[in-house]
Amino acid sequence: MGKTKVVGPTGRYGTRYGVSVRKKVRDILIKRYSKHECPFCGAKGTVYRVTVGIWKCRKCENTWAGGAYTPTSELAAYTKKTIAKE
């Protein structure tokens, strides 16, 4: 099997599904499996996804709703910034 430096976690798909689809999936998987910081206790690497949109911290045992692939959605971050300006 070849090296997967460029394709990353989508190397398992081989040549199937087309390159543009695999690039989109690669970006999503990298975001989903990266080390996230807990918004409550600040611990890094202790946050994991229970199911789509539900996240939990192993250290402080807090559970919250977030984005599908990240603990906080991009829209929530934008809204928080907008409210802080006012």
Protein backbone atom coordinates (compact mmCIF):
# COMPACT_ATOMS: atom_id res chain seq x y z
CA MET A 1 0.00 0.00 0.00
CA GLY A 2 1.25 3.50 -0.82
CA LYS A 3 2.01 6.35 1.53
CA THR A 4 -0.90 8.45 2.73
CA LYS A 5 0.91 11.72 3.47
CA VAL A 6 -1.29 13.78 1.14
CA VAL A 7 -4.57 11.90 1.38
CA GLY A 8 -4.44 11.36 5.15
CA PRO A 9 -7.33 9.41 6.64
CA THR A 10 -9.03 9.04 3.24
CA GLY A 11 -6.29 6.76 1.97
CA ARG A 12 -8.54 3.85 2.88
CA TYR A 13 -10.87 4.76 -0.02
CA GLY A 14 -8.18 4.22 -2.65
CA THR A 15 -9.16 5.58 -6.06
CA ARG A 16 -12.90 5.39 -5.44
CA TYR A 17 -15.43 8.25 -5.19
CA GLY A 18 -13.40 10.97 -6.95
CA VAL A 19 -10.68 13.29 -5.70
CA SER A 20 -12.87 16.31 -4.79
CA VAL A 21 -15.17 14.22 -2.58
CA ARG A 22 -12.18 12.59 -0.86
CA LYS A 23 -10.62 16.01 -0.19
CA LYS A 24 -13.82 17.24 1.47
CA VAL A 25 -14.04 14.08 3.57
CA ARG A 26 -10.35 14.43 4.50
CA ASP A 27 -10.91 17.96 5.84
CA ILE A 28 -13.93 16.82 7.86
CA LEU A 29 -12.13 13.80 9.34
CA ILE A 30 -9.09 15.85 10.31
CA LYS A 31 -11.33 18.33 12.17
CA ARG A 32 -13.34 15.58 13.84
CA TYR A 33 -10.40 13.52 15.15
CA SER A 34 -8.06 16.36 16.16
CA LYS A 35 -7.39 17.11 19.83
CA HIS A 36 -10.06 19.47 21.13
CA GLU A 37 -10.02 21.68 24.22
CA CYS A 38 -12.80 21.45 26.79
CA PRO A 39 -14.66 24.79 27.03
CA PHE A 40 -15.37 24.17 30.73
CA CYS A 41 -12.11 22.96 32.28
CA GLY A 42 -9.66 23.81 29.49
CA ALA A 43 -8.13 20.34 29.30
CA LYS A 44 -6.75 19.37 25.91
CA GLY A 45 -7.31 15.96 24.39
CA THR A 46 -10.01 14.87 26.84
CA VAL A 47 -12.99 15.80 24.67
CA TYR A 48 -14.66 13.13 22.58
CA ARG A 49 -17.82 12.90 20.51
CA VAL A 50 -20.58 10.73 21.96
CA THR A 51 -22.82 11.04 18.90
CA VAL A 52 -23.41 13.64 16.20
CA GLY A 53 -23.47 17.01 17.97
CA ILE A 54 -23.04 15.63 21.52
CA TRP A 55 -19.60 16.07 23.11
CA LYS A 56 -18.21 14.97 26.48
CA CYS A 57 -15.08 15.72 28.51
CA ARG A 58 -13.38 12.78 30.23
CA LYS A 59 -11.83 15.01 32.91
CA CYS A 60 -14.73 17.17 34.15
CA GLU A 61 -17.54 14.85 32.93
CA ASN A 62 -19.46 17.75 31.32
CA THR A 63 -21.67 16.97 28.35
CA TRP A 64 -22.81 19.61 25.86
CA ALA A 65 -24.26 20.11 22.41
CA GLY A 66 -21.85 21.35 19.79
CA GLY A 67 -21.18 21.00 16.11
CA ALA A 68 -21.24 17.75 14.19
CA TYR A 69 -17.46 17.59 13.80
CA THR A 70 -16.18 20.09 16.38
CA PRO A 71 -17.22 20.78 19.98
CA THR A 72 -18.38 24.28 19.07
CA SER A 73 -19.96 25.08 15.74
CA GLU A 74 -18.64 27.87 13.54
CA LEU A 75 -22.02 29.60 13.68
CA ALA A 76 -21.94 29.61 17.49
CA ALA A 77 -18.48 31.20 17.47
CA TYR A 78 -19.69 33.88 15.04
CA THR A 79 -22.78 34.58 17.17
CA LYS A 80 -20.70 34.83 20.35
CA LYS A 81 -18.39 37.35 18.66
CA THR A 82 -21.33 39.42 17.43
CA ILE A 83 -22.96 39.54 20.87
CA ALA A 84 -19.65 40.55 22.49
CA LYS A 85 -19.40 43.58 20.18
CA GLU A 86 -22.73 45.01 21.37
